[in-house]
């Protein structure tokens, strides 16, 4: 996994999707993980849809959930 999110201009939708899935993997134990809670109950791929689709930077989307 890359240390930083792929730039929208130089990456494909699949690159960005892979990055989000790799950075926020589902461990299928919601009581222990709490990851979806940090994204207001959304799966990370849904929360980062604008980034994956190339409409907003990774940082812009991340700031929505801080």
N, C-alpha and C. Protein backbone atom coordinates (compact mmCIF):
# COMPACT_ATOMS: atom_id res chain seq x y z
N UNK A 1 0.85 -1.18 0.00
CA UNK A 1 0.00 0.00 0.00
C UNK A 1 0.89 1.24 0.00
N UNK A 2 0.50 2.20 -0.77
CA UNK A 2 1.24 3.47 -0.83
C UNK A 2 1.07 4.23 0.47
N UNK A 3 2.09 5.05 0.78
CA UNK A 3 2.03 5.84 2.01
C UNK A 3 1.03 6.98 1.89
N UNK A 4 0.86 7.50 0.70
CA UNK A 4 -0.08 8.60 0.52
C UNK A 4 -1.09 8.23 -0.57
N UNK A 5 -2.22 8.89 -0.50
CA UNK A 5 -3.29 8.61 -1.46
C UNK A 5 -2.88 8.99 -2.87
N UNK A 6 -3.25 8.17 -3.84
CA UNK A 6 -2.95 8.51 -5.23
C UNK A 6 -3.62 9.83 -5.63
N UNK A 7 -2.88 10.64 -6.33
CA UNK A 7 -3.40 11.91 -6.84
C UNK A 7 -4.46 11.63 -7.90
N UNK A 8 -5.51 12.41 -7.89
CA UNK A 8 -6.60 12.21 -8.85
C UNK A 8 -6.12 12.33 -10.29
N UNK A 9 -5.26 13.30 -10.55
CA UNK A 9 -4.81 13.56 -11.92
C UNK A 9 -3.96 12.43 -12.50
N UNK A 10 -3.27 11.69 -11.63
CA UNK A 10 -2.35 10.68 -12.14
C UNK A 10 -2.74 9.25 -11.74
N UNK A 11 -4.00 9.03 -11.39
CA UNK A 11 -4.42 7.69 -11.00
C UNK A 11 -5.77 7.36 -11.65
N UNK A 12 -6.04 6.08 -11.69
CA UNK A 12 -7.33 5.64 -12.23
C UNK A 12 -8.33 5.46 -11.09
N UNK A 13 -9.58 5.33 -11.44
CA UNK A 13 -10.62 5.08 -10.45
C UNK A 13 -10.29 3.81 -9.67
N UNK A 14 -9.81 2.79 -10.35
CA UNK A 14 -9.46 1.52 -9.69
C UNK A 14 -8.30 1.70 -8.72
N UNK A 15 -7.31 2.53 -9.06
CA UNK A 15 -6.20 2.82 -8.14
C UNK A 15 -6.73 3.43 -6.84
N UNK A 16 -7.65 4.38 -6.98
CA UNK A 16 -8.19 5.07 -5.81
C UNK A 16 -9.08 4.14 -4.99
N UNK A 17 -9.88 3.31 -5.66
CA UNK A 17 -10.70 2.33 -4.95
C UNK A 17 -9.82 1.36 -4.18
N UNK A 18 -8.79 0.84 -4.81
CA UNK A 18 -7.87 -0.08 -4.15
C UNK A 18 -7.23 0.58 -2.94
N UNK A 19 -6.84 1.84 -3.07
CA UNK A 19 -6.22 2.55 -1.96
C UNK A 19 -7.18 2.64 -0.77
N UNK A 20 -8.41 3.03 -1.00
CA UNK A 20 -9.39 3.16 0.09
C UNK A 20 -9.64 1.80 0.73
N UNK A 21 -9.83 0.77 -0.08
CA UNK A 21 -10.07 -0.57 0.46
C UNK A 21 -8.87 -1.08 1.25
N UNK A 22 -7.68 -0.75 0.81
CA UNK A 22 -6.47 -1.19 1.51
C UNK A 22 -6.24 -0.41 2.81
N UNK A 23 -6.55 0.86 2.78
CA UNK A 23 -6.33 1.71 3.95
C UNK A 23 -7.36 1.43 5.04
N UNK A 24 -8.58 1.11 4.64
CA UNK A 24 -9.68 0.89 5.59
C UNK A 24 -10.31 -0.48 5.35
N UNK A 25 -9.59 -1.56 5.64
CA UNK A 25 -10.15 -2.89 5.39
C UNK A 25 -11.23 -3.25 6.42
N UNK A 26 -12.25 -3.93 5.97
CA UNK A 26 -13.29 -4.41 6.87
C UNK A 26 -12.78 -5.69 7.51
N UNK A 27 -12.80 -5.72 8.85
CA UNK A 27 -12.37 -6.93 9.56
C UNK A 27 -13.56 -7.77 10.01
N UNK A 28 -14.77 -7.35 9.62
CA UNK A 28 -16.02 -8.08 9.89
C UNK A 28 -16.27 -8.30 11.38
N UNK A 29 -15.84 -7.37 12.20
CA UNK A 29 -16.11 -7.42 13.64
C UNK A 29 -16.41 -6.00 14.10
N UNK A 30 -17.60 -5.54 13.78
CA UNK A 30 -17.96 -4.13 14.02
C UNK A 30 -17.80 -3.71 15.48
N UNK A 31 -18.06 -4.62 16.41
CA UNK A 31 -17.93 -4.26 17.83
C UNK A 31 -16.49 -3.94 18.21
N UNK A 32 -15.53 -4.57 17.55
CA UNK A 32 -14.13 -4.35 17.86
C UNK A 32 -13.48 -3.25 17.01
N UNK A 33 -13.96 -3.08 15.82
CA UNK A 33 -13.31 -2.18 14.86
C UNK A 33 -13.77 -0.73 15.02
N UNK A 34 -15.04 -0.49 14.78
CA UNK A 34 -15.59 0.85 14.88
C UNK A 34 -15.26 1.76 13.70
N UNK A 35 -14.64 1.22 12.67
CA UNK A 35 -14.24 2.03 11.52
C UNK A 35 -15.43 2.70 10.85
N UNK A 36 -16.48 1.96 10.63
CA UNK A 36 -17.66 2.55 9.97
C UNK A 36 -18.28 3.65 10.82
N UNK A 37 -18.17 3.53 12.14
CA UNK A 37 -18.69 4.58 13.02
C UNK A 37 -17.96 5.90 12.78
N UNK A 38 -16.67 5.82 12.50
CA UNK A 38 -15.93 7.05 12.23
C UNK A 38 -16.35 7.70 10.92
N UNK A 39 -16.97 6.93 10.04
CA UNK A 39 -17.50 7.46 8.79
C UNK A 39 -19.02 7.60 8.86
N UNK A 40 -19.53 7.84 10.06
CA UNK A 40 -20.96 8.07 10.30
C UNK A 40 -21.82 6.91 9.81
N UNK A 41 -21.35 5.69 10.05
CA UNK A 41 -22.10 4.49 9.69
C UNK A 41 -21.97 4.05 8.25
N UNK A 42 -21.12 4.72 7.50
CA UNK A 42 -20.95 4.38 6.08
C UNK A 42 -19.75 3.47 5.89
N UNK A 43 -19.85 2.60 4.92
CA UNK A 43 -18.70 1.83 4.47
C UNK A 43 -17.69 2.83 3.91
N UNK A 44 -16.40 2.64 4.14
CA UNK A 44 -15.40 3.59 3.62
C UNK A 44 -15.48 3.83 2.11
N UNK A 45 -15.84 2.81 1.35
CA UNK A 45 -15.93 3.03 -0.10
C UNK A 45 -17.10 3.95 -0.45
N UNK A 46 -18.12 3.98 0.38
CA UNK A 46 -19.23 4.91 0.18
C UNK A 46 -18.83 6.31 0.67
N UNK A 47 -18.18 6.35 1.83
CA UNK A 47 -17.75 7.64 2.39
C UNK A 47 -16.77 8.34 1.46
N UNK A 48 -15.91 7.58 0.79
CA UNK A 48 -14.89 8.16 -0.09
C UNK A 48 -15.29 8.12 -1.56
N UNK A 49 -16.57 8.01 -1.84
CA UNK A 49 -17.05 7.92 -3.22
C UNK A 49 -16.59 9.10 -4.08
N UNK A 50 -16.65 10.32 -3.53
CA UNK A 50 -16.21 11.48 -4.31
C UNK A 50 -14.73 11.39 -4.67
N UNK A 51 -13.91 10.88 -3.77
CA UNK A 51 -12.49 10.70 -4.07
C UNK A 51 -12.31 9.59 -5.10
N UNK A 52 -12.96 8.46 -4.89
CA UNK A 52 -12.83 7.34 -5.82
C UNK A 52 -13.27 7.74 -7.22
N UNK A 53 -14.33 8.54 -7.30
CA UNK A 53 -14.84 8.99 -8.61
C UNK A 53 -14.06 10.17 -9.18
N UNK A 54 -13.07 10.68 -8.45
CA UNK A 54 -12.24 11.77 -8.95
C UNK A 54 -12.86 13.15 -8.82
N UNK A 55 -13.85 13.30 -7.94
CA UNK A 55 -14.54 14.58 -7.77
C UNK A 55 -13.96 15.42 -6.64
N UNK A 56 -13.22 14.80 -5.71
CA UNK A 56 -12.64 15.52 -4.57
C UNK A 56 -11.36 14.80 -4.16
N UNK A 57 -10.42 15.55 -3.61
CA UNK A 57 -9.17 14.93 -3.17
C UNK A 57 -9.41 14.06 -1.94
N UNK A 58 -8.48 13.17 -1.68
CA UNK A 58 -8.56 12.32 -0.50
C UNK A 58 -8.64 13.18 0.76
N UNK A 59 -7.85 14.23 0.83
CA UNK A 59 -7.84 15.11 1.99
C UNK A 59 -9.18 15.82 2.18
N UNK A 60 -9.76 16.29 1.08
CA UNK A 60 -11.07 16.96 1.17
C UNK A 60 -12.12 16.04 1.77
N UNK A 61 -12.14 14.80 1.33
CA UNK A 61 -13.12 13.86 1.85
C UNK A 61 -12.78 13.49 3.30
N UNK A 62 -11.52 13.29 3.61
CA UNK A 62 -11.11 12.97 4.98
C UNK A 62 -11.55 14.04 5.97
N UNK A 63 -11.45 15.28 5.56
CA UNK A 63 -11.82 16.39 6.46
C UNK A 63 -13.31 16.42 6.77
N UNK A 64 -14.11 15.81 5.92
CA UNK A 64 -15.56 15.73 6.18
C UNK A 64 -15.87 14.88 7.40
N UNK A 65 -14.96 14.00 7.75
CA UNK A 65 -15.21 13.02 8.83
C UNK A 65 -14.33 13.26 10.04
N UNK A 66 -13.78 14.43 10.20
CA UNK A 66 -12.96 14.74 11.37
C UNK A 66 -13.76 15.45 12.40
